[in-house]
């Protein structure tokens, strides 16, 4: 008990130095949490991928369209449960800074293939009935203060012209790992206008999402789909949804890797900051440790005193850093456009890593001063002038 009391007194003997060390650790933990969150949200689409979904796109590039007629042919393949077409629309809502996914879809199948987007039966029925209706995510509704019946006007860029959509549904994500910042509208609304204004672009789709009966047959079914359209004018590439998402990430894989490494370099910086503080403290107390040894304090008392002080400082800094991380990450998530990072929150693994790092650093930082205190002879300790 006396050692514990002495540990607390020693830790705050130099209040300014200890406070600055705690603040330094806290800032580093905040930076670590923010970087780890950016890395995890980059991978959120991959992690949220369903094992029973395949994606079929143009074999040359994702930007090339596929014939809409492929839908029925894919549906006939053994093992395929349901096929839904999707088409990237883009356009400008309010201004070019308001970015979120806008997709033309088949209202009859899209929410069956993507059951993680939860919509009431009434909303789905209304979406199917009205040609220029749309469904938006709950986050989009909150951001733009939209409600059922409101009009969303989008200026087309890929598909020129003025497009008016009536909000007939607001979907809720199944959980917080699912994107709640998308907009879906009927493909028929887009296609009818293309048939009238740009017939060469009509009856084409961006990609198909395929729900399969058995995830273990994904490779087999993928081969069958691609074989079906081999040597056609629009050959396909079919892969799991996870592989499809990873393909998008490959373009920024170097950035993700760099952020990953940087987050762990920050841990090293925390270690250096705390180790420096502990070494300075141990050097100043060399004579005190000699006195304690003379009075009969054993090695375990010194271990408890020095390691306990290091752990106390690291835990206080780590705890403060974690407390600050939540508002900082939340504020960062609010500051960036929703479409850039639709999901932005601290995952439990980030908290576990931060806590583990704080405890580990507390122990490691105490090793050198602890060894010095244990190995310094009593006579040498009394002679030391620091």
Protein backbone atom coordinates (compact mmCIF):
# COMPACT_ATOMS: atom_id res chain seq x y z
CA UNK A 1 0.00 0.00 0.00
CA UNK A 2 2.89 2.34 0.85
CA UNK A 3 4.56 1.52 -2.48
CA UNK A 4 1.30 2.34 -4.29
CA UNK A 5 1.04 5.69 -2.51
CA UNK A 6 4.69 6.44 -3.27
CA UNK A 7 4.13 5.51 -6.92
CA UNK A 8 1.36 8.12 -7.27
CA UNK A 9 3.49 10.77 -5.54
CA UNK A 10 6.48 10.02 -7.77
CA UNK A 11 4.37 10.13 -10.92
CA UNK A 12 3.25 13.69 -10.21
CA UNK A 13 6.38 14.99 -8.52
CA UNK A 14 7.11 16.97 -11.68
CA UNK A 15 3.57 17.94 -12.57
CA UNK A 16 4.41 19.83 -15.76
CA UNK A 17 6.57 17.05 -17.20
CA UNK A 18 4.07 14.34 -16.33
CA UNK A 19 1.16 16.40 -17.66
CA UNK A 20 2.95 17.06 -20.95
CA UNK A 21 3.78 13.36 -21.26
CA UNK A 22 0.14 12.40 -20.66
CA UNK A 23 -1.04 14.99 -23.20
CA UNK A 24 1.57 13.77 -25.71
CA UNK A 25 0.41 10.18 -25.31
CA UNK A 26 -3.24 11.28 -25.61
CA UNK A 27 -2.57 13.17 -28.86
CA UNK A 28 -0.72 10.17 -30.27
CA UNK A 29 -3.61 7.85 -29.34
CA UNK A 30 -6.09 10.21 -31.03
CA UNK A 31 -3.94 10.22 -34.18
CA UNK A 32 -3.64 6.42 -34.02
CA UNK A 33 -7.42 6.00 -33.64
CA UNK A 34 -8.16 8.40 -36.50
CA UNK A 35 -5.71 6.71 -38.88
CA UNK A 36 -6.94 3.23 -37.95
CA UNK A 37 -10.53 4.39 -38.50
CA UNK A 38 -9.67 5.70 -41.97
CA UNK A 39 -8.07 2.33 -42.79
CA UNK A 40 -11.08 0.37 -41.50
CA UNK A 41 -13.63 2.50 -43.37
CA UNK A 42 -11.65 2.04 -46.58
CA UNK A 43 -12.10 -1.69 -46.04
CA UNK A 44 -15.73 -1.42 -44.88
CA UNK A 45 -17.14 -2.32 -48.31
CA UNK A 46 -14.98 -5.44 -48.44
CA UNK A 47 -15.89 -6.49 -44.90
CA UNK A 48 -19.62 -5.94 -45.53
CA UNK A 49 -19.62 -8.04 -48.71
CA UNK A 50 -22.06 -10.94 -48.77
CA UNK A 51 -20.71 -14.43 -49.47
CA UNK A 52 -23.80 -15.31 -51.54
CA UNK A 53 -23.47 -12.38 -53.98
CA UNK A 54 -21.57 -12.23 -57.25
CA UNK A 55 -20.93 -9.20 -59.43
CA UNK A 56 -20.90 -9.41 -63.23
CA UNK A 57 -19.35 -6.51 -65.13
CA UNK A 58 -17.78 -5.88 -68.54
CA UNK A 59 -14.58 -7.90 -68.97
CA UNK A 60 -12.59 -4.94 -70.31
CA UNK A 61 -13.49 -2.34 -67.69
CA UNK A 62 -16.17 -1.43 -65.21
CA UNK A 63 -16.93 1.74 -67.19
CA UNK A 64 -18.23 -0.20 -70.21
CA UNK A 65 -21.94 -1.14 -70.15
CA UNK A 66 -23.55 -4.55 -70.60
CA UNK A 67 -26.77 -5.37 -72.49
CA UNK A 68 -29.79 -5.45 -70.20
CA UNK A 69 -30.84 -8.67 -71.95
CA UNK A 70 -28.07 -10.55 -70.11
CA UNK A 71 -30.27 -10.49 -67.00
CA UNK A 72 -32.67 -13.23 -68.13
CA UNK A 73 -29.84 -15.40 -69.47
CA UNK A 74 -27.94 -15.24 -66.18
CA UNK A 75 -31.14 -16.04 -64.29
CA UNK A 76 -31.37 -19.40 -66.12
CA UNK A 77 -27.98 -20.63 -64.86
CA UNK A 78 -28.13 -23.44 -62.32
CA UNK A 79 -27.40 -22.16 -58.82
CA UNK A 80 -28.53 -18.58 -59.48
CA UNK A 81 -31.36 -17.48 -57.20
CA UNK A 82 -31.91 -13.91 -58.37
CA UNK A 83 -30.31 -11.29 -60.62
CA UNK A 84 -30.65 -7.53 -60.29
CA UNK A 85 -29.22 -4.90 -62.68
CA UNK A 86 -27.59 -1.70 -61.42
CA UNK A 87 -26.45 1.38 -63.29
CA UNK A 88 -24.32 4.29 -62.07
CA UNK A 89 -26.17 7.56 -62.68
CA UNK A 90 -24.14 10.19 -60.84
CA UNK A 91 -25.48 13.69 -61.69
CA UNK A 92 -25.31 16.82 -59.53
CA UNK A 93 -27.59 17.34 -56.53
CA UNK A 94 -27.51 20.97 -55.26
CA UNK A 95 -23.82 21.34 -56.21
CA UNK A 96 -20.84 19.20 -57.18
CA UNK A 97 -19.65 18.90 -53.58
CA UNK A 98 -22.76 16.90 -52.60
CA UNK A 99 -21.49 13.47 -53.55
CA UNK A 100 -23.31 10.21 -52.86
CA UNK A 101 -24.09 7.12 -54.92
CA UNK A 102 -27.10 7.44 -57.24
CA UNK A 103 -28.09 4.20 -58.93
CA UNK A 104 -30.74 3.12 -61.43
CA UNK A 105 -32.12 -0.25 -60.29
CA UNK A 106 -34.87 -2.80 -60.79
CA UNK A 107 -37.35 -2.15 -57.94
CA UNK A 108 -38.69 -5.71 -58.13
CA UNK A 109 -35.37 -7.37 -57.28
CA UNK A 110 -32.85 -4.94 -55.80
CA UNK A 111 -34.03 -5.17 -52.19
CA UNK A 112 -34.24 -8.96 -52.40
CA UNK A 113 -30.63 -9.20 -53.52
CA UNK A 114 -29.62 -6.54 -50.97
CA UNK A 115 -31.74 -7.36 -47.88
CA UNK A 116 -29.41 -5.31 -45.67
CA UNK A 117 -31.22 -2.20 -46.95
CA UNK A 118 -34.39 -2.28 -44.86
CA UNK A 119 -37.54 -0.75 -46.35
CA UNK A 120 -41.15 -1.02 -45.18
CA UNK A 121 -43.63 -2.87 -47.43
CA UNK A 122 -45.60 0.33 -47.98
CA UNK A 123 -42.48 2.23 -49.06
CA UNK A 124 -41.43 -0.56 -51.41
CA UNK A 125 -44.90 -0.76 -52.97
CA UNK A 126 -44.95 3.01 -53.55
CA UNK A 127 -41.45 2.85 -55.04
CA UNK A 128 -42.62 0.22 -57.53
CA UNK A 129 -45.78 2.11 -58.53
CA UNK A 130 -44.36 5.53 -59.37
CA UNK A 131 -41.97 5.68 -62.34
CA UNK A 132 -39.93 8.68 -61.15
CA UNK A 133 -39.86 7.63 -57.50
CA UNK A 134 -36.68 7.05 -55.54
CA UNK A 135 -35.47 5.49 -52.30
CA UNK A 136 -32.76 7.20 -50.26
CA UNK A 137 -30.67 6.14 -47.28
CA UNK A 138 -31.47 7.43 -43.82
CA UNK A 139 -28.19 9.37 -43.69
CA UNK A 140 -29.06 11.23 -46.90
CA UNK A 141 -32.50 12.04 -45.49
CA UNK A 142 -30.92 13.45 -42.33
CA UNK A 143 -28.21 15.40 -44.15
CA UNK A 144 -30.58 17.15 -46.54
CA UNK A 145 -33.66 17.17 -44.29
CA UNK A 146 -35.64 15.09 -46.79
CA UNK A 147 -38.89 13.26 -46.10
CA UNK A 148 -41.38 11.08 -47.98
CA UNK A 149 -42.99 13.03 -50.81
CA UNK A 150 -40.16 15.54 -51.26
CA UNK A 151 -38.77 16.25 -54.73
CA UNK A 152 -35.07 15.71 -55.47
CA UNK A 153 -33.91 17.50 -58.62
CA UNK A 154 -30.68 16.24 -60.15
CA UNK A 155 -28.83 17.79 -63.08
CA UNK A 156 -27.50 14.99 -65.24
CA UNK A 157 -23.89 14.78 -66.38
CA UNK A 158 -23.44 11.21 -67.61
CA UNK A 159 -27.10 11.37 -68.61
CA UNK A 160 -27.73 15.07 -69.47
CA UNK A 161 -30.90 16.91 -68.56
CA UNK A 162 -32.99 17.75 -65.54
CA UNK A 163 -34.24 14.77 -63.56
CA UNK A 164 -36.95 15.09 -60.92
CA UNK A 165 -37.38 12.28 -58.39
CA UNK A 166 -40.04 11.86 -55.71
CA UNK A 167 -38.85 10.36 -52.43
CA UNK A 168 -41.07 7.34 -51.77
CA UNK A 169 -38.87 5.42 -49.36
CA UNK A 170 -36.10 5.93 -46.81
CA UNK A 171 -34.15 2.76 -46.19
CA UNK A 172 -32.37 1.94 -42.95
CA UNK A 173 -29.12 -0.06 -42.94
CA UNK A 174 -29.26 -3.42 -41.18
CA UNK A 175 -26.36 -2.31 -38.95
CA UNK A 176 -23.77 0.46 -38.77
CA UNK A 177 -21.40 -1.34 -41.15
CA UNK A 178 -23.88 -0.87 -44.03
CA UNK A 179 -23.88 2.24 -46.22
CA UNK A 180 -26.83 4.52 -45.49
CA UNK A 181 -25.91 7.19 -48.05
CA UNK A 182 -27.22 5.85 -51.36
CA UNK A 183 -30.08 6.74 -53.68
CA UNK A 184 -31.97 4.22 -55.82
CA UNK A 185 -34.44 5.00 -58.59
CA UNK A 186 -36.20 2.97 -61.28
CA UNK A 187 -34.08 1.95 -64.25
CA UNK A 188 -37.19 2.13 -66.47
CA UNK A 189 -37.42 5.88 -65.81
CA UNK A 190 -33.87 6.31 -67.12
CA UNK A 191 -34.26 3.87 -70.00
CA UNK A 192 -37.51 5.35 -71.34
CA UNK A 193 -35.88 8.76 -71.60
CA UNK A 194 -32.79 7.27 -73.25
CA UNK A 195 -34.96 5.48 -75.82
CA UNK A 196 -36.50 8.83 -76.72
CA UNK A 197 -33.41 11.05 -76.59
CA UNK A 198 -30.39 8.75 -77.04
CA UNK A 199 -31.46 5.33 -78.41
CA UNK A 200 -27.85 4.12 -78.79
CA UNK A 201 -27.46 4.21 -74.99
CA UNK A 202 -30.78 2.55 -74.16
CA UNK A 203 -31.19 -0.99 -72.80
CA UNK A 204 -27.71 -1.01 -71.27
CA UNK A 205 -26.71 -1.55 -67.68
CA UNK A 206 -23.56 -0.99 -65.62
CA UNK A 207 -23.36 -4.34 -63.84
CA UNK A 208 -25.41 -7.19 -62.41
CA UNK A 209 -25.57 -8.35 -58.80
CA UNK A 210 -26.28 -12.08 -58.59
CA UNK A 211 -27.66 -13.78 -55.50
CA UNK A 212 -26.63 -17.45 -55.50
CA UNK A 213 -28.13 -20.37 -53.62
CA UNK A 214 -24.86 -21.85 -52.37
CA UNK A 215 -21.83 -19.61 -51.61
CA UNK A 216 -19.57 -22.65 -51.98
CA UNK A 217 -20.42 -22.73 -55.70
CA UNK A 218 -19.43 -19.11 -56.36
CA UNK A 219 -16.36 -20.00 -58.46
CA UNK A 220 -18.30 -22.56 -60.51
CA UNK A 221 -21.21 -20.18 -61.18
CA UNK A 222 -18.83 -17.32 -62.05
CA UNK A 223 -17.21 -19.48 -64.73
CA UNK A 224 -20.63 -20.45 -66.12
CA UNK A 225 -21.75 -16.82 -66.38
CA UNK A 226 -18.59 -15.71 -68.18
CA UNK A 227 -18.67 -18.75 -70.46
CA UNK A 228 -22.21 -17.84 -71.48
CA UNK A 229 -21.05 -14.54 -72.99
CA UNK A 230 -17.63 -15.59 -74.26
CA UNK A 231 -16.83 -14.29 -77.77
CA UNK A 232 -19.79 -11.90 -77.62
CA UNK A 233 -19.54 -8.15 -78.25
CA UNK A 234 -19.64 -7.59 -74.48
CA UNK A 235 -17.77 -10.32 -72.63
CA UNK A 236 -18.15 -10.42 -68.87
CA UNK A 237 -16.07 -10.83 -65.75
CA UNK A 238 -17.87 -12.36 -62.79
CA UNK A 239 -16.40 -12.46 -59.30
CA UNK A 240 -17.48 -12.49 -55.69
CA UNK A 241 -18.69 -9.21 -54.25
CA UNK A 242 -15.67 -9.21 -51.94
CA UNK A 243 -13.23 -9.55 -54.86
CA UNK A 244 -15.13 -6.83 -56.73
CA UNK A 245 -14.79 -4.42 -53.79
CA UNK A 246 -11.12 -5.30 -53.38
CA UNK A 247 -10.60 -4.44 -57.04
CA UNK A 248 -11.75 -0.89 -56.33
CA UNK A 249 -9.40 -0.66 -53.35
CA UNK A 250 -6.41 -1.80 -55.37
CA UNK A 251 -6.14 1.70 -56.83
CA UNK A 252 -5.54 3.16 -53.37
CA UNK A 253 -3.85 0.14 -51.76
CA UNK A 254 -0.54 2.03 -51.41
CA UNK A 255 -2.30 4.81 -49.47
CA UNK A 256 -4.04 2.30 -47.18
CA UNK A 257 -0.76 0.47 -46.54
CA UNK A 258 1.02 3.76 -45.77
CA UNK A 259 -1.72 4.79 -43.31
CA UNK A 260 -1.53 1.38 -41.70
CA UNK A 261 2.22 1.66 -41.17
CA UNK A 262 1.93 5.25 -40.02
CA UNK A 263 -0.59 4.30 -37.33
CA UNK A 264 1.92 1.85 -35.85
CA UNK A 265 4.81 4.32 -36.17
CA UNK A 266 2.76 6.53 -33.87
CA UNK A 267 2.87 3.74 -31.28
CA UNK A 268 6.67 3.90 -31.50
CA UNK A 269 6.54 7.66 -30.92
CA UNK A 270 4.43 7.13 -27.78
CA UNK A 271 7.02 4.61 -26.58
CA UNK A 272 9.86 7.10 -27.06
CA UNK A 273 7.97 9.89 -25.27
CA UNK A 274 7.17 7.78 -22.21
CA UNK A 275 10.57 6.05 -22.15
CA UNK A 276 12.28 9.45 -22.12
CA UNK A 277 10.15 10.58 -19.17
CA UNK A 278 10.83 7.40 -17.20
CA UNK A 279 14.59 7.48 -17.87
CA UNK A 280 14.77 11.10 -16.66
CA UNK A 281 12.74 10.24 -13.56
CA UNK A 282 14.88 7.18 -12.76
CA UNK A 283 18.09 9.17 -13.17
CA UNK A 284 16.85 11.84 -10.75
CA UNK A 285 15.91 9.19 -8.17
CA UNK A 286 19.09 7.12 -8.24
CA UNK A 287 20.04 8.19 -4.68
CA UNK A 288 16.45 7.58 -3.49
CA UNK A 289 16.51 4.02 -4.80
CA UNK A 290 19.82 3.47 -2.96
CA UNK A 291 18.19 4.71 0.27
CA UNK A 292 15.22 2.38 -0.28
CA UNK A 293 17.52 -0.60 -0.76
CA UNK A 294 19.33 0.34 2.45
CA UNK A 295 16.00 0.44 4.32
CA UNK A 296 15.17 -3.07 3.14
CA UNK A 297 12.98 -2.49 0.09
CA UNK A 298 13.33 -5.54 -2.14
CA UNK A 299 13.59 -5.79 -5.93
CA UNK A 300 9.85 -6.47 -6.23
CA UNK A 301 9.13 -3.17 -4.46
CA UNK A 302 11.26 -1.32 -6.99
CA UNK A 303 9.58 -3.19 -9.85
CA UNK A 304 6.16 -2.19 -8.54
CA UNK A 305 7.26 1.39 -7.99
CA UNK A 306 8.92 2.03 -11.37
CA UNK A 307 6.73 -0.13 -13.60
CA UNK A 308 3.61 1.04 -11.79
CA UNK A 309 4.52 4.68 -12.38
CA UNK A 310 5.12 4.01 -16.08
CA UNK A 311 1.83 2.12 -16.41
CA UNK A 312 -0.05 4.85 -14.54
CA UNK A 313 1.17 7.56 -16.93
CA UNK A 314 0.53 5.42 -20.04
CA UNK A 315 -2.97 4.45 -18.85
CA UNK A 316 -3.89 8.06 -18.05
CA UNK A 317 -2.58 9.22 -21.43
CA UNK A 318 -4.20 6.33 -23.30
CA UNK A 319 -7.50 6.79 -21.47
CA UNK A 320 -7.57 10.52 -22.18
CA UNK A 321 -6.68 9.81 -25.81
CA UNK A 322 -9.51 7.31 -26.19
CA UNK A 323 -12.01 9.72 -24.63
CA UNK A 324 -10.94 12.42 -27.07
CA UNK A 325 -10.87 10.02 -30.03
CA UNK A 326 -14.65 9.60 -30.18
CA UNK A 327 -15.55 13.31 -30.61
CA UNK A 328 -12.53 13.87 -32.90
CA UNK A 329 -13.42 10.93 -35.18
CA UNK A 330 -17.09 11.91 -35.12
CA UNK A 331 -16.21 15.52 -35.98
CA UNK A 332 -13.93 14.39 -38.80
CA UNK A 333 -16.69 12.15 -40.14
CA UNK A 334 -19.15 15.05 -40.09
CA UNK A 335 -16.68 17.41 -41.78
CA UNK A 336 -16.02 15.27 -44.85
CA UNK A 337 -18.64 14.66 -47.57
CA UNK A 338 -20.89 11.70 -46.70
CA UNK A 339 -20.24 10.06 -50.04
CA UNK A 340 -16.49 9.91 -49.45
CA UNK A 341 -16.72 7.84 -46.25
CA UNK A 342 -20.35 6.67 -45.87
CA UNK A 343 -19.43 4.74 -42.73
CA UNK A 344 -17.12 6.45 -40.25
CA UNK A 345 -16.86 5.17 -36.69
CA UNK A 346 -14.27 3.69 -34.33
CA UNK A 347 -14.36 -0.09 -34.49
CA UNK A 348 -13.93 -2.19 -31.31
CA UNK A 349 -10.65 -3.58 -32.67
CA UNK A 350 -9.22 -0.03 -32.75
CA UNK A 351 -10.10 0.45 -29.08
CA UNK A 352 -8.56 -2.92 -28.20
CA UNK A 353 -5.37 -2.06 -30.11
CA UNK A 354 -5.11 1.34 -28.40
CA UNK A 355 -5.59 -0.14 -24.91
CA UNK A 356 -3.14 -2.97 -25.62
CA UNK A 357 -0.61 -0.48 -26.98
CA UNK A 358 -0.93 1.75 -23.90
CA UNK A 359 -0.38 -1.16 -21.51
CA UNK A 360 2.50 -2.59 -23.55
CA UNK A 361 4.21 0.79 -23.82
CA UNK A 362 3.84 1.32 -20.08
CA UNK A 363 5.65 -1.95 -19.41
CA UNK A 364 8.32 -1.58 -22.11
CA UNK A 365 9.13 2.02 -21.14
CA UNK A 366 9.90 0.94 -17.58
CA UNK A 367 12.37 -1.82 -18.51
CA UNK A 368 15.52 0.29 -18.98
CA UNK A 369 15.11 2.49 -15.86
CA UNK A 370 14.07 -0.59 -13.89
CA UNK A 371 17.19 -2.56 -14.88
CA UNK A 372 19.37 0.43 -14.07
CA UNK A 373 17.78 0.82 -10.62
CA UNK A 374 18.10 -2.90 -9.83
CA UNK A 375 21.69 -3.21 -11.03
CA UNK A 376 23.06 -0.03 -9.44
CA UNK A 377 24.92 -0.86 -6.22
CA UNK A 378 23.93 0.98 -3.06
CA UNK A 379 27.36 2.63 -2.75
CA UNK A 380 27.26 3.77 -6.39
CA UNK A 381 23.77 5.10 -5.85
CA UNK A 382 24.86 7.28 -2.94
CA UNK A 383 27.80 8.58 -4.95
CA UNK A 384 25.62 9.50 -7.93
CA UNK A 385 25.12 13.21 -8.54
CA UNK A 386 22.35 13.82 -11.12
